[in-house]
Amino acid sequence: MKYKTGEVAKVGDIVQLWEGNLGKVVCSIDTNEYSKEYAFNEWSYLKVGILIMSDSAGLVHKTSSDEDLKLIKRSG
């Protein structure tokens, strides 16, 4: 999945889901990247998109980008 800026979402990215709600990309099903906590064998069934862990919203599965989803900080 790509952000509206054209950048590909990667595991570890800090993103804004919507105003006042930040999260961390914990897996990118589209690019076959999975963090240790969110393993391939548990989440690949979703087939597309990214998973974002947010303190205020919990685990969010996004299948497409929208105007609110913004890359705040690239990991590493």
C-alpha atoms as a PDB file:
ATOM      1  CA  MET A   1       0.000   0.000   0.000  1.00  0.00           C
ATOM      2  CA  LYS A   2       1.141   3.532  -0.698  1.00  0.00           C
ATOM      3  CA  TYR A   3       0.489   6.708   1.207  1.00  0.00           C
ATOM      4  CA  LYS A   4      -1.093   9.574  -0.750  1.00  0.00           C
ATOM      5  CA  THR A   5       2.456  10.933  -1.229  1.00  0.00           C
ATOM      6  CA  GLY A   6       3.341   7.815  -3.245  1.00  0.00           C
ATOM      7  CA  GLU A   7       5.668   6.321  -0.629  1.00  0.00           C
ATOM      8  CA  VAL A   8       5.228   2.606   0.092  1.00  0.00           C
ATOM      9  CA  ALA A   9       4.113   1.765   3.641  1.00  0.00           C
ATOM     10  CA  LYS A  10       6.756  -0.170   5.595  1.00  0.00           C
ATOM     11  CA  VAL A  11       6.859  -2.000   8.904  1.00  0.00           C
ATOM     12  CA  GLY A  12       7.927   0.408  11.644  1.00  0.00           C
ATOM     13  CA  ASP A  13       6.489   3.539  10.020  1.00  0.00           C
ATOM     14  CA  ILE A  14       4.799   5.936  12.418  1.00  0.00           C
ATOM     15  CA  VAL A  15       1.586   7.153  10.847  1.00  0.00           C
ATOM     16  CA  GLN A  16      -1.371   9.374  11.591  1.00  0.00           C
ATOM     17  CA  LEU A  17      -4.599   7.430  11.140  1.00  0.00           C
ATOM     18  CA  TRP A  18      -6.667  10.572  11.678  1.00  0.00           C
ATOM     19  CA  GLU A  19      -6.209  13.839  13.571  1.00  0.00           C
ATOM     20  CA  GLY A  20      -4.890  13.070  17.058  1.00  0.00           C
ATOM     21  CA  ASN A  21      -4.434   9.323  16.490  1.00  0.00           C
ATOM     22  CA  LEU A  22      -0.952   7.987  15.755  1.00  0.00           C
ATOM     23  CA  GLY A  23       0.045   4.384  15.199  1.00  0.00           C
ATOM     24  CA  LYS A  24       2.851   2.139  14.053  1.00  0.00           C
ATOM     25  CA  VAL A  25       2.738  -0.114  10.978  1.00  0.00           C
ATOM     26  CA  VAL A  26       3.226  -3.646  12.324  1.00  0.00           C
ATOM     27  CA  CYS A  27       2.866  -5.528   9.063  1.00  0.00           C
ATOM     28  CA  SER A  28       2.520  -4.869   5.375  1.00  0.00           C
ATOM     29  CA  ILE A  29       0.710  -7.732   3.767  1.00  0.00           C
ATOM     30  CA  ASP A  30       1.194  -6.143   0.334  1.00  0.00           C
ATOM     31  CA  THR A  31       5.006  -6.269   0.600  1.00  0.00           C
ATOM     32  CA  ASN A  32       5.131  -9.432   2.750  1.00  0.00           C
ATOM     33  CA  GLU A  33       6.747  -7.622   5.718  1.00  0.00           C
ATOM     34  CA  TYR A  34       5.776  -8.788   9.193  1.00  0.00           C
ATOM     35  CA  SER A  35       7.038  -7.740  12.618  1.00  0.00           C
ATOM     36  CA  LYS A  36       7.882 -10.361  15.247  1.00  0.00           C
ATOM     37  CA  GLU A  37       4.653  -9.650  17.112  1.00  0.00           C
ATOM     38  CA  TYR A  38       2.462  -9.939  13.986  1.00  0.00           C
ATOM     39  CA  ALA A  39       3.718 -13.020  12.148  1.00  0.00           C
ATOM     40  CA  PHE A  40       3.009 -14.095   8.570  1.00  0.00           C
ATOM     41  CA  ASN A  41       1.205 -17.283   9.613  1.00  0.00           C
ATOM     42  CA  GLU A  42      -1.264 -15.285  11.737  1.00  0.00           C
ATOM     43  CA  TRP A  43      -2.049 -12.349   9.438  1.00  0.00           C
ATOM     44  CA  SER A  44      -1.390 -13.281   5.789  1.00  0.00           C
ATOM     45  CA  TYR A  45      -4.993 -14.505   5.449  1.00  0.00           C
ATOM     46  CA  LEU A  46      -5.998 -10.831   5.129  1.00  0.00           C
ATOM     47  CA  LYS A  47      -4.418 -10.857   1.623  1.00  0.00           C
ATOM     48  CA  VAL A  48      -3.994  -7.056   1.207  1.00  0.00           C
ATOM     49  CA  GLY A  49      -3.196  -3.880   3.091  1.00  0.00           C
ATOM     50  CA  ILE A  50      -1.337  -2.997   6.268  1.00  0.00           C
ATOM     51  CA  LEU A  51      -1.910  -3.449   9.990  1.00  0.00           C
ATOM     52  CA  ILE A  52      -1.395  -0.457  12.260  1.00  0.00           C
ATOM     53  CA  MET A  53      -1.233  -0.634  16.055  1.00  0.00           C
ATOM     54  CA  SER A  54      -2.593   2.510  17.661  1.00  0.00           C
ATOM     55  CA  ASP A  55      -2.749   3.263  21.383  1.00  0.00           C
ATOM     56  CA  SER A  56      -6.188   4.824  21.086  1.00  0.00           C
ATOM     57  CA  ALA A  57      -7.775   2.674  18.348  1.00  0.00           C
ATOM     58  CA  GLY A  58      -6.051  -0.690  18.816  1.00  0.00           C
ATOM     59  CA  LEU A  59      -5.178  -2.799  15.791  1.00  0.00           C
ATOM     60  CA  VAL A  60      -6.429  -1.297  12.516  1.00  0.00           C
ATOM     61  CA  HIS A  61      -6.427  -3.063   9.137  1.00  0.00           C
ATOM     62  CA  LYS A  62      -6.228  -0.633   6.216  1.00  0.00           C
ATOM     63  CA  THR A  63      -6.743  -1.946   2.689  1.00  0.00           C
ATOM     64  CA  SER A  64      -6.310   1.405   0.986  1.00  0.00           C
ATOM     65  CA  SER A  65      -4.934   4.810   1.760  1.00  0.00           C
ATOM     66  CA  ASP A  66      -7.179   7.750   2.486  1.00  0.00           C
ATOM     67  CA  GLU A  67      -6.774  11.476   3.050  1.00  0.00           C
ATOM     68  CA  ASP A  68      -6.293  11.031   6.813  1.00  0.00           C
ATOM     69  CA  LEU A  69      -3.529   8.393   6.659  1.00  0.00           C
ATOM     70  CA  LYS A  70      -0.191  10.194   6.721  1.00  0.00           C
ATOM     71  CA  LEU A  71       3.401   9.083   7.148  1.00  0.00           C
ATOM     72  CA  ILE A  72       4.848  10.903  10.156  1.00  0.00           C
ATOM     73  CA  LYS A  73       8.205   9.158  10.515  1.00  0.00           C
ATOM     74  CA  ARG A  74       9.952   6.431   8.554  1.00  0.00           C
ATOM     75  CA  SER A  75      11.498   3.653  10.643  1.00  0.00           C
ATOM     76  CA  GLY A  76      15.285   3.349  10.791  1.00  0.00           C
END
